[in-house]
N, C-alpha and C. Protein backbone atom coordinates (compact mmCIF):
# COMPACT_ATOMS: atom_id res chain seq x y z
N UNK A 1 -19.20 34.66 -52.17
CA UNK A 1 -19.44 32.81 -51.71
C UNK A 1 -18.45 32.09 -50.94
N UNK A 2 -17.06 32.99 -51.49
CA UNK A 2 -16.08 32.58 -50.81
C UNK A 2 -15.84 32.72 -49.13
N UNK A 3 -16.28 33.83 -48.94
CA UNK A 3 -16.44 34.23 -47.66
C UNK A 3 -17.36 33.63 -46.90
N UNK A 4 -18.42 33.09 -47.53
CA UNK A 4 -19.26 32.65 -46.46
C UNK A 4 -18.80 30.74 -46.13
N UNK A 5 -18.15 30.32 -47.47
CA UNK A 5 -17.76 29.06 -46.96
C UNK A 5 -16.52 28.91 -46.00
N UNK A 6 -15.74 30.21 -46.14
CA UNK A 6 -14.90 30.48 -44.95
C UNK A 6 -15.03 30.33 -43.64
N UNK A 7 -16.31 31.22 -43.38
CA UNK A 7 -16.72 31.50 -41.89
C UNK A 7 -17.45 30.21 -41.66
N UNK A 8 -18.20 29.52 -42.79
CA UNK A 8 -18.79 28.08 -42.48
C UNK A 8 -17.72 27.21 -41.86
N UNK A 9 -16.69 26.94 -42.56
CA UNK A 9 -15.63 26.14 -42.06
C UNK A 9 -14.84 26.39 -40.79
N UNK A 10 -14.89 28.05 -40.57
CA UNK A 10 -14.17 28.32 -39.26
C UNK A 10 -15.18 27.96 -38.07
N UNK A 11 -16.28 28.25 -38.24
CA UNK A 11 -17.43 27.60 -37.22
C UNK A 11 -17.24 26.32 -36.92
N UNK A 12 -17.38 25.36 -37.87
CA UNK A 12 -17.09 24.01 -37.84
C UNK A 12 -15.86 23.34 -37.02
N UNK A 13 -14.85 24.47 -37.81
CA UNK A 13 -13.66 23.84 -37.02
C UNK A 13 -13.83 24.21 -35.61
N UNK A 14 -14.29 25.28 -35.49
CA UNK A 14 -14.51 25.80 -33.75
C UNK A 14 -15.16 24.83 -32.80
N UNK A 15 -16.52 24.40 -33.47
CA UNK A 15 -17.19 23.23 -32.59
C UNK A 15 -16.85 22.25 -32.53
N UNK A 16 -16.03 21.51 -33.69
CA UNK A 16 -15.01 20.36 -33.37
C UNK A 16 -14.29 20.49 -32.42
N UNK A 17 -13.36 21.56 -31.98
CA UNK A 17 -12.30 21.74 -31.21
C UNK A 17 -13.16 21.62 -29.62
N UNK A 18 -14.14 22.62 -29.89
CA UNK A 18 -15.03 22.34 -28.29
C UNK A 18 -15.58 20.81 -28.08
N UNK A 19 -16.18 20.39 -28.77
CA UNK A 19 -16.59 19.16 -28.68
C UNK A 19 -15.51 18.17 -28.49
N UNK A 20 -14.22 18.23 -28.85
CA UNK A 20 -13.00 17.65 -28.41
C UNK A 20 -12.66 17.64 -26.99
N UNK A 21 -12.93 19.06 -26.53
CA UNK A 21 -12.65 19.36 -25.21
C UNK A 21 -13.54 19.09 -24.10
N UNK A 22 -14.50 18.62 -24.65
CA UNK A 22 -15.70 18.45 -23.80
C UNK A 22 -15.60 17.00 -22.78
N UNK A 23 -16.11 17.17 -21.60
CA UNK A 23 -15.52 15.97 -20.78
C UNK A 23 -16.21 15.07 -21.22
N UNK A 24 -15.58 13.81 -21.11
CA UNK A 24 -16.33 12.58 -21.58
C UNK A 24 -17.17 12.02 -20.61
N UNK A 25 -18.35 11.54 -20.90
CA UNK A 25 -19.08 10.69 -20.04
C UNK A 25 -18.67 9.43 -19.26
N UNK A 26 -18.95 9.22 -18.10
CA UNK A 26 -18.25 8.26 -17.05
C UNK A 26 -18.67 7.10 -17.76
N UNK A 27 -17.93 5.96 -17.20
CA UNK A 27 -18.08 4.50 -17.81
C UNK A 27 -19.25 4.11 -17.37
N UNK A 28 -19.70 4.49 -16.10
CA UNK A 28 -21.36 4.02 -15.50
C UNK A 28 -22.16 4.51 -16.13
N UNK A 29 -22.22 5.51 -17.11
CA UNK A 29 -23.41 6.19 -17.85
C UNK A 29 -23.10 5.79 -19.08
N UNK A 30 -22.37 5.20 -19.68
CA UNK A 30 -22.27 4.43 -21.20
C UNK A 30 -22.45 3.02 -21.04
N UNK A 31 -23.76 2.85 -21.76
CA UNK A 31 -23.62 1.24 -22.05
C UNK A 31 -24.36 0.71 -20.34
N UNK A 32 -24.57 -0.71 -20.18
CA UNK A 32 -25.30 -1.07 -19.28
C UNK A 32 -24.00 -1.01 -17.64
N UNK A 33 -24.85 -0.43 -16.81
CA UNK A 33 -23.93 -0.80 -15.46
C UNK A 33 -23.75 -2.21 -14.95
N UNK A 34 -24.44 -2.80 -15.25
CA UNK A 34 -24.09 -4.39 -14.82
C UNK A 34 -23.22 -5.20 -15.86
N UNK A 35 -23.20 -4.71 -17.15
CA UNK A 35 -22.08 -5.46 -17.84
C UNK A 35 -20.98 -4.91 -17.44
N UNK A 36 -20.60 -3.58 -17.48
CA UNK A 36 -19.56 -2.75 -17.07
C UNK A 36 -18.93 -3.20 -15.84
N UNK A 37 -19.85 -3.91 -14.82
CA UNK A 37 -19.13 -4.35 -13.44
C UNK A 37 -19.12 -5.96 -13.76
N UNK A 38 -19.76 -6.24 -14.39
CA UNK A 38 -19.33 -7.72 -14.78
C UNK A 38 -17.92 -7.99 -15.39
N UNK A 39 -17.17 -6.81 -16.05
CA UNK A 39 -16.25 -6.86 -16.91
C UNK A 39 -15.03 -6.45 -15.94
N UNK A 40 -15.41 -6.17 -14.74
CA UNK A 40 -14.18 -5.69 -13.81
C UNK A 40 -13.45 -6.85 -12.95
N UNK A 41 -12.24 -7.24 -12.89
CA UNK A 41 -11.90 -8.41 -12.53
C UNK A 41 -12.13 -8.27 -10.84
N UNK A 42 -12.55 -9.40 -10.21
CA UNK A 42 -12.43 -9.37 -8.90
C UNK A 42 -11.33 -10.27 -8.17
N UNK A 43 -10.63 -10.03 -7.36
CA UNK A 43 -9.45 -10.99 -6.79
C UNK A 43 -10.27 -11.65 -5.47
N UNK A 44 -9.46 -12.71 -5.07
CA UNK A 44 -9.69 -13.28 -4.05
C UNK A 44 -9.48 -12.24 -2.81
N UNK A 45 -8.11 -11.40 -3.07
CA UNK A 45 -8.05 -10.38 -2.11
C UNK A 45 -9.37 -9.34 -1.68
N UNK A 46 -9.78 -8.82 -2.74
CA UNK A 46 -11.29 -7.98 -2.87
C UNK A 46 -12.02 -8.75 -2.27
N UNK A 47 -12.57 -9.91 -2.66
CA UNK A 47 -13.63 -10.49 -1.71
C UNK A 47 -13.22 -10.71 -0.14
N UNK A 48 -12.05 -11.00 -0.15
CA UNK A 48 -11.58 -11.43 1.43
C UNK A 48 -11.96 -10.40 2.28
N UNK A 49 -11.33 -8.86 1.68
CA UNK A 49 -11.36 -7.79 2.69
C UNK A 49 -12.81 -7.47 2.71
N UNK A 50 -13.80 -7.74 1.95
CA UNK A 50 -15.16 -7.45 1.83
C UNK A 50 -15.79 -8.32 3.08
N UNK A 51 -15.27 -9.53 3.41
CA UNK A 51 -15.94 -10.69 4.07
C UNK A 51 -15.26 -9.79 5.51
N UNK A 52 -14.19 -9.47 5.42
CA UNK A 52 -13.49 -9.49 6.98
C UNK A 52 -14.38 -7.97 7.18
N UNK A 53 -14.89 -7.11 6.40
CA UNK A 53 -15.30 -5.89 6.39
C UNK A 53 -16.66 -6.07 6.85
N UNK A 54 -17.39 -6.96 6.35
CA UNK A 54 -18.86 -7.41 7.02
C UNK A 54 -18.68 -7.68 8.39
N UNK A 55 -17.74 -8.79 8.66
CA UNK A 55 -17.65 -9.09 10.17
C UNK A 55 -17.14 -8.06 11.02
N UNK A 56 -16.47 -6.98 10.87
CA UNK A 56 -16.19 -5.64 11.38
C UNK A 56 -17.34 -4.83 11.77
N UNK A 57 -18.15 -5.08 10.77
CA UNK A 57 -19.40 -4.08 10.60
C UNK A 57 -20.48 -4.90 12.00
N UNK A 58 -20.39 -6.12 12.08
CA UNK A 58 -21.22 -6.82 12.82
C UNK A 58 -20.61 -6.67 14.12
N UNK A 59 -19.05 -6.52 14.53
CA UNK A 59 -18.72 -6.56 15.43
C UNK A 59 -18.92 -5.23 16.16
N UNK A 60 -18.80 -3.96 15.26
CA UNK A 60 -19.04 -2.75 15.58
C UNK A 60 -20.55 -2.62 16.35
N UNK A 61 -21.31 -3.55 15.90
CA UNK A 61 -22.97 -3.40 16.35
C UNK A 61 -22.69 -3.98 17.65
N UNK A 62 -22.13 -4.90 17.87
CA UNK A 62 -21.80 -5.72 19.23
C UNK A 62 -21.31 -4.72 20.07
N UNK A 63 -19.97 -3.95 19.70
CA UNK A 63 -19.43 -3.39 20.65
C UNK A 63 -20.06 -1.69 21.12
N UNK A 64 -21.34 -1.33 20.62
CA UNK A 64 -22.20 0.15 20.82
C UNK A 64 -22.47 -0.33 21.98
N UNK A 65 -22.87 0.46 22.86
CA UNK A 65 -23.63 0.34 24.08
C UNK A 65 -24.48 1.43 24.11
N UNK A 66 -25.47 0.90 24.61
CA UNK A 66 -26.91 1.77 24.59
C UNK A 66 -26.82 3.45 24.69
N UNK A 67 -25.99 3.84 25.48
CA UNK A 67 -25.68 5.00 25.77
C UNK A 67 -25.01 5.97 24.78
N UNK A 68 -23.98 5.41 24.32
CA UNK A 68 -23.09 6.06 23.54
C UNK A 68 -23.70 6.21 22.15
N UNK A 69 -22.43 7.05 21.13
CA UNK A 69 -22.66 6.93 19.68
C UNK A 69 -22.34 5.36 19.12
N UNK A 70 -22.77 4.84 18.11
CA UNK A 70 -22.45 3.69 17.36
C UNK A 70 -20.80 3.74 17.28
N UNK A 71 -20.16 2.67 17.55
CA UNK A 71 -18.91 2.46 17.22
C UNK A 71 -18.54 2.30 16.03
N UNK A 72 -17.33 3.01 15.85
CA UNK A 72 -16.84 3.15 14.30
C UNK A 72 -15.72 1.88 14.09
N UNK A 73 -15.69 1.72 12.79
CA UNK A 73 -14.71 0.78 12.31
C UNK A 73 -14.34 1.02 10.72
N UNK A 74 -12.88 0.24 10.68
CA UNK A 74 -12.40 0.59 9.44
C UNK A 74 -11.64 -0.55 9.07
N UNK A 75 -11.61 -0.85 7.79
CA UNK A 75 -10.73 -2.11 7.48
C UNK A 75 -9.76 -1.69 6.18
N UNK A 76 -8.56 -1.69 6.32
CA UNK A 76 -7.93 -1.27 5.15
C UNK A 76 -6.53 -2.23 5.17
N UNK A 77 -6.56 -2.17 3.63
CA UNK A 77 -5.00 -3.19 3.49
C UNK A 77 -4.17 -2.17 3.01
N UNK A 78 -2.75 -2.28 3.62
CA UNK A 78 -1.83 -1.39 3.44
C UNK A 78 -0.82 -2.22 2.29
N UNK A 79 -0.72 -1.70 1.26
CA UNK A 79 -0.06 -2.43 0.34
C UNK A 79 1.64 -2.21 0.51
N UNK A 80 2.12 -1.01 0.95
CA UNK A 80 3.34 -0.85 1.13
C UNK A 80 4.00 -2.04 2.26
N UNK A 81 2.84 -1.93 3.26
CA UNK A 81 3.65 -2.59 4.47
C UNK A 81 2.94 -4.01 4.55
N UNK A 82 2.12 -4.44 3.51
CA UNK A 82 1.69 -5.79 3.21
C UNK A 82 1.04 -6.15 4.69
N UNK A 83 0.03 -5.76 4.94
CA UNK A 83 -0.72 -5.93 6.24
C UNK A 83 -2.18 -5.18 6.07
N UNK A 84 -3.18 -6.18 6.61
CA UNK A 84 -4.43 -5.86 6.80
C UNK A 84 -4.74 -5.11 8.31
N UNK A 85 -5.10 -3.90 8.29
CA UNK A 85 -5.40 -3.10 9.65
C UNK A 85 -7.00 -3.08 9.76
N UNK A 86 -7.64 -3.64 10.87
CA UNK A 86 -8.80 -3.56 11.36
C UNK A 86 -8.73 -2.80 12.65
N UNK A 87 -9.63 -1.39 12.51
CA UNK A 87 -9.88 -0.55 13.69
C UNK A 87 -11.07 -0.40 14.12
N UNK A 88 -11.05 -0.20 15.33
CA UNK A 88 -12.62 0.38 15.96
C UNK A 88 -12.35 1.37 16.81
N UNK A 89 -13.44 2.15 16.85
CA UNK A 89 -13.21 3.35 17.76
C UNK A 89 -14.78 3.38 18.93
N UNK A 90 -14.63 3.23 20.10
CA UNK A 90 -15.50 2.81 20.86
C UNK A 90 -15.82 3.86 22.03
N UNK A 91 -16.51 4.61 22.40
CA UNK A 91 -16.93 5.65 22.99
C UNK A 91 -17.70 4.93 24.24
N UNK A 92 -17.06 5.18 25.56
CA UNK A 92 -17.73 4.30 26.65
C UNK A 92 -17.41 5.33 27.87
N UNK A 93 -17.89 4.66 29.03
CA UNK A 93 -17.71 5.75 30.34
C UNK A 93 -16.55 5.99 30.78
N UNK A 94 -16.26 7.18 31.12
CA UNK A 94 -14.87 7.58 31.85
C UNK A 94 -14.09 6.62 32.36
N UNK A 95 -15.25 5.71 33.49
CA UNK A 95 -14.21 4.89 34.32
C UNK A 95 -13.98 3.60 33.56
N UNK A 96 -14.27 3.52 32.29
CA UNK A 96 -13.94 2.45 31.64
C UNK A 96 -12.83 2.30 30.65
N UNK A 97 -12.49 3.49 30.66
CA UNK A 97 -11.03 3.94 29.76
C UNK A 97 -9.73 3.38 30.50
N UNK A 98 -9.35 1.93 29.96
CA UNK A 98 -8.41 1.47 30.57
C UNK A 98 -8.21 0.33 29.90
N UNK A 99 -6.88 -0.01 30.19
CA UNK A 99 -6.02 -1.21 29.60
C UNK A 99 -6.73 -2.51 29.49
N UNK A 100 -7.28 -2.79 30.72
CA UNK A 100 -7.87 -4.25 30.71
C UNK A 100 -9.14 -4.27 30.16
N UNK A 101 -10.19 -2.97 30.23
CA UNK A 101 -11.22 -3.11 29.51
C UNK A 101 -10.92 -2.95 27.87
N UNK A 102 -10.04 -2.46 27.48
CA UNK A 102 -9.91 -2.22 26.22
C UNK A 102 -9.69 -3.58 25.61
N UNK A 103 -8.61 -4.55 26.60
CA UNK A 103 -8.30 -5.84 25.81
C UNK A 103 -9.59 -6.37 25.86
N UNK A 104 -10.46 -6.58 26.76
CA UNK A 104 -11.66 -7.23 26.72
C UNK A 104 -12.75 -6.73 25.66
N UNK A 105 -13.04 -5.83 25.44
CA UNK A 105 -13.44 -5.18 24.23
C UNK A 105 -12.85 -5.88 23.03
N UNK A 106 -11.83 -5.41 22.81
CA UNK A 106 -11.18 -6.19 21.79
C UNK A 106 -11.35 -7.58 21.42
N UNK A 107 -10.92 -8.08 22.43
CA UNK A 107 -11.56 -9.59 22.50
C UNK A 107 -12.77 -10.19 22.00
N UNK A 108 -14.05 -9.26 22.20
CA UNK A 108 -15.23 -9.30 22.13
C UNK A 108 -15.44 -9.12 20.39
N UNK A 109 -14.67 -7.85 19.97
CA UNK A 109 -14.80 -7.68 18.50
C UNK A 109 -14.07 -8.67 17.59
N UNK A 110 -12.91 -9.34 18.07
CA UNK A 110 -12.50 -10.39 17.08
C UNK A 110 -13.12 -11.45 17.20
N UNK A 111 -13.70 -12.29 18.20
CA UNK A 111 -14.43 -13.18 18.25
C UNK A 111 -15.79 -13.17 17.51
N UNK A 112 -16.51 -11.75 17.61
CA UNK A 112 -17.92 -11.75 16.95
C UNK A 112 -17.50 -11.58 15.26
N UNK A 113 -16.12 -10.83 14.85
CA UNK A 113 -15.87 -10.67 14.02
C UNK A 113 -15.57 -12.27 12.63
N UNK A 114 -15.29 -13.07 13.46
CA UNK A 114 -14.76 -14.19 13.17
C UNK A 114 -15.63 -15.28 13.63
N UNK A 115 -16.69 -15.05 14.18
CA UNK A 115 -17.66 -16.25 14.43
C UNK A 115 -17.43 -17.30 15.52
N UNK A 116 -16.44 -16.67 16.34
CA UNK A 116 -16.00 -17.94 17.31
C UNK A 116 -17.01 -18.06 18.32
N UNK A 117 -17.39 -19.47 18.65
CA UNK A 117 -18.37 -20.16 19.35
C UNK A 117 -19.83 -20.06 18.78
N UNK A 118 -19.85 -19.73 17.26
CA UNK A 118 -20.93 -19.87 16.53
C UNK A 118 -20.86 -21.15 15.34
N UNK A 119 -19.47 -21.39 15.02
CA UNK A 119 -19.14 -22.56 14.13
C UNK A 119 -18.63 -23.37 15.18
N UNK A 120 -19.46 -24.91 14.60
CA UNK A 120 -19.07 -26.15 15.54
C UNK A 120 -17.80 -26.71 14.83
N UNK A 121 -16.84 -26.86 15.39
CA UNK A 121 -15.76 -27.96 14.79
C UNK A 121 -15.53 -29.16 14.99
N UNK A 122 -15.24 -29.92 14.29
CA UNK A 122 -15.15 -31.57 14.88
C UNK A 122 -13.85 -31.75 15.71
N UNK A 123 -13.05 -31.21 15.51
CA UNK A 123 -11.93 -31.23 16.71
C UNK A 123 -11.85 -30.02 17.87
N UNK A 124 -11.38 -30.16 18.80
CA UNK A 124 -10.99 -29.04 19.90
C UNK A 124 -10.30 -28.27 19.25
N UNK A 125 -10.44 -26.77 19.30
CA UNK A 125 -9.41 -25.66 18.60
C UNK A 125 -9.80 -24.61 19.79
N UNK A 126 -8.70 -24.22 20.09
CA UNK A 126 -8.44 -22.72 20.70
C UNK A 126 -9.33 -21.59 20.21
N UNK A 127 -9.39 -20.68 20.69
CA UNK A 127 -10.25 -19.35 20.07
C UNK A 127 -9.42 -18.49 19.05
N UNK A 128 -8.13 -18.78 19.38
CA UNK A 128 -7.13 -18.35 18.56
C UNK A 128 -6.77 -19.14 17.46
N UNK A 129 -6.99 -20.51 17.39
CA UNK A 129 -7.01 -21.31 16.10
C UNK A 129 -8.29 -21.36 15.45
N UNK A 130 -9.50 -20.90 16.08
CA UNK A 130 -10.66 -20.59 15.12
C UNK A 130 -10.79 -19.52 14.34
N UNK A 131 -10.03 -18.31 15.16
CA UNK A 131 -9.74 -16.95 14.14
C UNK A 131 -8.83 -17.55 12.98
N UNK A 132 -7.86 -17.84 13.11
CA UNK A 132 -6.91 -18.17 11.76
C UNK A 132 -7.46 -18.87 11.00
N UNK A 133 -8.46 -19.77 11.36
CA UNK A 133 -8.92 -20.67 10.46
C UNK A 133 -10.14 -19.94 9.47
N UNK A 134 -10.71 -19.38 10.34
CA UNK A 134 -11.86 -18.26 9.62
C UNK A 134 -11.04 -17.21 9.06
N UNK A 135 -10.06 -16.65 9.28
CA UNK A 135 -9.38 -15.79 8.27
C UNK A 135 -8.96 -16.29 7.14
N UNK A 136 -8.42 -17.54 7.05
CA UNK A 136 -8.16 -18.33 6.06
C UNK A 136 -9.21 -18.81 5.10
N UNK A 137 -10.68 -19.06 5.56
CA UNK A 137 -11.67 -19.50 5.00
C UNK A 137 -12.21 -17.94 4.21
N UNK A 138 -12.07 -16.82 4.79
CA UNK A 138 -12.64 -15.79 4.30
C UNK A 138 -11.41 -15.33 2.87
N UNK A 139 -10.20 -15.85 2.72
CA UNK A 139 -9.36 -15.13 1.83
C UNK A 139 -9.25 -16.48 0.72
N UNK A 140 -10.11 -17.63 0.94
CA UNK A 140 -9.94 -18.55 -0.05
C UNK A 140 -10.65 -19.01 -1.10
N UNK A 141 -10.89 -19.81 -1.79
CA UNK A 141 -11.71 -19.79 -2.89
C UNK A 141 -12.75 -21.21 -2.54
N UNK A 142 -13.64 -21.16 -1.89
CA UNK A 142 -14.37 -22.18 -1.55
C UNK A 142 -15.56 -22.67 -2.68
N UNK A 143 -15.50 -23.73 -2.40
CA UNK A 143 -15.29 -24.94 -1.80
C UNK A 143 -13.84 -25.59 -2.61
N UNK A 144 -13.27 -25.10 -3.29
CA UNK A 144 -12.16 -25.61 -3.94
C UNK A 144 -11.16 -25.72 -3.14
N UNK A 145 -10.81 -24.93 -1.97
CA UNK A 145 -9.86 -25.13 -1.31
C UNK A 145 -9.73 -26.29 0.02
N UNK A 146 -8.80 -27.01 0.18
CA UNK A 146 -8.82 -27.83 0.99
C UNK A 146 -8.76 -27.32 2.45
N UNK A 147 -8.86 -28.07 3.46
CA UNK A 147 -8.60 -27.68 5.07
C UNK A 147 -7.60 -27.32 5.04
N UNK A 148 -6.31 -28.03 4.76
CA UNK A 148 -5.14 -27.85 4.90
C UNK A 148 -4.47 -26.49 4.18
N UNK A 149 -5.28 -26.39 2.91
CA UNK A 149 -4.84 -25.10 2.35
C UNK A 149 -5.10 -23.83 3.16
N UNK A 150 -6.45 -23.63 3.50
CA UNK A 150 -6.88 -22.62 4.33
C UNK A 150 -6.69 -22.67 5.56
N UNK A 151 -6.01 -23.86 6.25
CA UNK A 151 -5.61 -23.40 7.39
C UNK A 151 -4.11 -22.75 7.21
N UNK A 152 -3.43 -23.48 6.50
CA UNK A 152 -2.06 -22.51 6.06
C UNK A 152 -2.03 -21.37 5.58
N UNK A 153 -3.03 -20.81 4.88
CA UNK A 153 -3.29 -19.54 4.70
C UNK A 153 -3.80 -18.73 6.05
N UNK A 154 -4.69 -19.18 6.59
CA UNK A 154 -5.04 -18.66 7.67
C UNK A 154 -3.71 -18.26 8.91
N UNK A 155 -2.80 -19.28 8.66
CA UNK A 155 -1.47 -19.35 9.62
C UNK A 155 -1.16 -17.94 9.22
N UNK A 156 -0.75 -17.66 7.98
CA UNK A 156 -0.04 -16.88 7.06
C UNK A 156 -0.39 -15.54 7.50
N UNK A 157 -1.88 -15.21 7.11
CA UNK A 157 -2.48 -14.03 7.01
C UNK A 157 -2.66 -13.71 8.50
N UNK A 158 -2.89 -14.37 9.57
CA UNK A 158 -3.01 -14.00 11.00
C UNK A 158 -1.91 -13.17 11.60
N UNK A 159 -0.61 -13.59 11.17
CA UNK A 159 0.43 -12.94 11.28
C UNK A 159 0.74 -11.44 10.59
N UNK A 160 -0.18 -11.16 9.49
CA UNK A 160 -0.34 -9.97 9.13
C UNK A 160 -1.34 -9.24 9.45
N UNK A 161 -2.16 -9.44 9.96
CA UNK A 161 -3.58 -8.98 10.32
C UNK A 161 -3.44 -8.47 11.76
N UNK A 162 -3.63 -6.86 11.71
CA UNK A 162 -3.81 -6.55 13.07
C UNK A 162 -5.23 -6.02 13.62
N UNK A 163 -5.35 -5.82 14.70
CA UNK A 163 -7.05 -5.29 15.07
C UNK A 163 -6.46 -4.39 16.28
N UNK A 164 -6.95 -3.28 16.40
CA UNK A 164 -6.72 -2.16 17.16
C UNK A 164 -8.33 -1.68 17.28
N UNK A 165 -8.32 -1.43 19.05
CA UNK A 165 -9.35 -0.77 19.32
C UNK A 165 -9.05 0.32 20.21
N UNK A 166 -9.68 1.76 19.75
CA UNK A 166 -9.50 2.64 20.71
C UNK A 166 -10.76 3.07 21.27
N UNK A 167 -10.73 3.04 23.12
CA UNK A 167 -11.51 3.39 23.65
C UNK A 167 -11.31 4.87 23.98
N UNK A 168 -12.68 5.47 23.94
CA UNK A 168 -12.75 7.14 24.02
C UNK A 168 -13.85 7.14 25.58
N UNK A 169 -13.32 8.16 26.27
CA UNK A 169 -14.10 8.43 27.16
C UNK A 169 -15.15 9.44 26.86
N UNK A 170 -16.38 9.20 27.00
CA UNK A 170 -17.72 9.66 26.90
C UNK A 170 -17.61 11.16 27.29
N UNK A 171 -17.16 11.76 28.48
CA UNK A 171 -17.09 12.86 28.90
C UNK A 171 -15.63 13.53 29.05
N UNK A 172 -14.54 12.81 28.87
CA UNK A 172 -13.31 13.34 29.36
C UNK A 172 -12.63 13.22 27.91
N UNK A 173 -11.86 13.61 27.97
CA UNK A 173 -10.55 13.64 26.68
C UNK A 173 -9.90 12.35 26.99
N UNK A 174 -9.74 11.77 27.73
CA UNK A 174 -8.93 10.40 28.02
C UNK A 174 -9.25 9.61 27.12
N UNK A 175 -8.29 8.29 26.40
CA UNK A 175 -8.36 7.60 25.56
C UNK A 175 -7.40 6.71 25.84
N UNK A 176 -7.93 4.87 25.47
CA UNK A 176 -6.45 4.12 25.33
C UNK A 176 -6.89 3.17 24.33
N UNK A 177 -5.79 2.79 23.47
CA UNK A 177 -5.54 2.09 22.46
C UNK A 177 -5.00 0.57 22.96
N UNK A 178 -5.57 -0.55 22.45
CA UNK A 178 -4.96 -1.67 22.31
C UNK A 178 -4.80 -2.56 20.98
N UNK A 179 -3.67 -2.54 20.45
CA UNK A 179 -3.42 -3.34 19.07
C UNK A 179 -2.83 -4.68 19.29
N UNK A 180 -2.85 -5.58 18.42
CA UNK A 180 -2.16 -6.72 18.38
C UNK A 180 -2.74 -7.51 17.09
N UNK A 181 -1.68 -8.61 16.91
CA UNK A 181 -2.16 -9.35 15.62
C UNK A 181 -3.63 -10.01 15.84
N UNK A 182 -4.16 -10.34 14.84
CA UNK A 182 -5.77 -10.51 14.83
C UNK A 182 -6.10 -12.07 15.93
N UNK A 183 -5.26 -13.07 16.00
CA UNK A 183 -4.94 -14.21 16.69
C UNK A 183 -4.88 -13.96 18.33
N UNK A 184 -4.52 -12.60 18.42
CA UNK A 184 -4.23 -12.62 19.91
C UNK A 184 -5.26 -12.03 20.63
N UNK A 185 -6.15 -12.95 21.30
CA UNK A 185 -7.39 -12.00 21.82
C UNK A 185 -7.43 -11.68 23.24
N UNK A 186 -6.54 -12.18 24.14
CA UNK A 186 -6.33 -11.37 25.49
C UNK A 186 -5.17 -11.14 25.81
N UNK A 187 -5.42 -9.78 26.66
CA UNK A 187 -4.07 -9.23 27.17
C UNK A 187 -3.07 -10.20 28.24
N UNK A 188 -1.78 -10.56 28.00
CA UNK A 188 -1.20 -11.19 29.20
C UNK A 188 -0.01 -10.46 29.56
């Protein structure tokens, strides 16, 4: 009888040890997924980056030409350098791979991303100022923020937000890249 009890105890301890080392279920699999998501904090930075990413997606569609593959985009916040990077890669005919065309397409991307020409303002503003304002709105708590607050925020963010466009030739190995702060729309 003692031997059976000892064997049973060893088996139970072995099972407990194996169960203790078994991988835990992912938190998304435990409980309601919507409750788990609702419990996660969302910052204004998170929401703003999502808005910029949606604008970049719209701009990428506009940059895509009928003959080539879809334009690629990426929006990344670099925590170490404290800046927002927006990158596009567009395939074009080899004859269009030049700096002038690159800056022109980059301007199209920025205008599309920030709705320049779509939103009506009560005051006369340059395209650069419209981009700064839209950037401030994307990262502010609407409707709580005042005009003055999101304009100031947009000014500060614009100096730390960069848009880069890389043109790649469809038939050749050539490419050209143009990059500047977000509110610089044209090559000068």
